[in-house]
Structure formats: C-alpha cells, structure tokens
Protein backbone atom coordinates (compact mmCIF):
# COMPACT_ATOMS: atom_id res chain seq x y z
CA UNK A 1 7.05 284.45 280.14
CA UNK A 2 7.30 283.28 276.53
CA UNK A 3 4.34 285.45 275.53
CA UNK A 4 5.96 288.50 277.12
CA UNK A 5 9.24 287.81 275.29
CA UNK A 6 7.36 287.45 271.98
CA UNK A 7 5.59 290.74 272.59
CA UNK A 8 8.88 292.42 273.45
CA UNK A 9 10.46 291.13 270.24
CA UNK A 10 7.48 292.34 268.22
CA UNK A 11 7.74 295.83 269.69
CA UNK A 12 11.50 295.95 269.03
CA UNK A 13 10.98 294.77 265.44
CA UNK A 14 8.24 297.36 264.90
CA UNK A 15 10.47 300.08 266.32
CA UNK A 16 13.28 299.09 263.97
CA UNK A 17 10.96 299.16 260.93
CA UNK A 18 9.51 302.53 261.95
CA UNK A 19 12.98 304.04 262.41
CA UNK A 20 14.08 302.79 259.00
CA UNK A 21 10.97 304.15 257.32
CA UNK A 22 11.23 307.53 259.04
CA UNK A 23 14.84 307.79 257.88
CA UNK A 24 13.74 307.16 254.28
CA UNK A 25 10.86 309.61 254.55
CA UNK A 26 12.84 312.41 256.20
CA UNK A 27 16.18 312.08 254.41
CA UNK A 28 15.24 314.30 251.41
CA UNK A 29 13.65 316.99 253.63
CA UNK A 30 15.52 320.28 253.87
CA UNK A 31 13.11 322.47 255.85
CA UNK A 32 10.69 322.26 258.76
CA UNK A 33 7.77 322.59 256.35
CA UNK A 34 8.94 319.59 254.33
CA UNK A 35 9.39 317.56 257.52
CA UNK A 36 5.89 318.52 258.67
CA UNK A 37 4.41 317.43 255.34
CA UNK A 38 6.37 314.16 255.24
CA UNK A 39 5.38 312.97 258.73
CA UNK A 40 2.00 311.41 259.48
CA UNK A 41 -0.28 313.44 261.76
CA UNK A 42 0.26 311.09 264.71
CA UNK A 43 3.96 312.05 264.77
CA UNK A 44 3.58 315.73 263.89
CA UNK A 45 1.86 316.39 267.21
CA UNK A 46 4.86 314.93 269.06
CA UNK A 47 7.25 317.55 267.62
CA UNK A 48 6.90 320.93 269.36
CA UNK A 49 5.78 323.68 267.01
CA UNK A 50 5.25 321.39 264.01
CA UNK A 51 1.49 321.11 264.25
CA UNK A 52 0.92 324.84 263.78
CA UNK A 53 1.47 324.82 260.01
CA UNK A 54 -1.20 323.45 257.69
CA UNK A 55 -0.38 320.34 255.70
CA UNK A 56 0.55 321.14 252.09
CA UNK A 57 1.14 317.57 250.87
CA UNK A 58 0.32 313.97 251.74
CA UNK A 59 2.25 312.21 254.49
CA UNK A 60 5.14 310.27 253.01
CA UNK A 61 5.20 312.40 249.86
CA UNK A 62 9.00 312.01 249.67
CA UNK A 63 8.51 308.35 248.72
CA UNK A 64 6.62 309.12 245.50
CA UNK A 65 7.83 307.02 242.63
CA UNK A 66 8.80 304.12 244.88
CA UNK A 67 5.64 302.03 245.04
CA UNK A 68 7.14 299.42 247.34
CA UNK A 69 8.22 302.06 249.87
CA UNK A 70 4.79 303.73 249.67
CA UNK A 71 3.09 300.39 250.43
CA UNK A 72 5.42 299.80 253.37
CA UNK A 73 4.79 303.32 254.65
CA UNK A 74 1.02 302.91 254.45
CA UNK A 75 1.28 299.61 256.38
CA UNK A 76 3.46 301.22 259.07
CA UNK A 77 1.30 304.31 259.65
CA UNK A 78 -1.25 302.39 261.78
CA UNK A 79 1.61 301.01 263.91
CA UNK A 80 3.01 304.52 264.28
CA UNK A 81 -0.43 305.66 265.41
CA UNK A 82 -0.72 302.85 267.95
CA UNK A 83 2.71 303.49 269.45
CA UNK A 84 2.23 307.26 269.52
CA UNK A 85 -1.10 306.86 271.34
CA UNK A 86 0.45 304.29 273.66
CA UNK A 87 3.00 306.91 274.64
CA UNK A 88 0.18 309.12 275.81
CA UNK A 89 -1.36 306.39 277.94
CA UNK A 90 1.76 305.62 279.98
C-alpha cells in the first residue's frame, strides 16, 4: 500500500509541475498558431485541430531568455510525453 501511495503522490506532484509549466509557456500566447508552436508535439495531438499547422518555432519558445525555465521545461517534456502516451493506453 505504501508503494501505491508513493506512486500516487509522484503522479500528483508531476501533474502540478506540468500545469505550472504549461501556464508559463502558454500565458504570452495570443493566437492558436502561437499556442501550437509553444506546446510540445505530444500535447499538440491532444488538442483538436492543432496538429494541422506546421511548427514554426521550437516548443517552449515563449520561455526564451529565462534559462532556468527552459531547463525545467526540457526536463518536464519527457514526463509530458509519458503521461500523454499513458492516456492513450487506458
């Protein structure tokens, strides 16, 4: 039971970090095209109609100039990928 509770806490913590990062990434976006360019590919496919446009910039481009935020974003992208794929499996 303890292992399950630890796993549950880890998932909740990851979810919180991902939500915070997505807020930072998407806050400066003013159009669908900017949102599409700011999101990583694993999340773009989850938004209907977003995947049709070609990418014009790197994922997380809205964080440029903030090296710490860019490092955090690059560390969270693999977790976003795992959870987005996990959604497809269940």
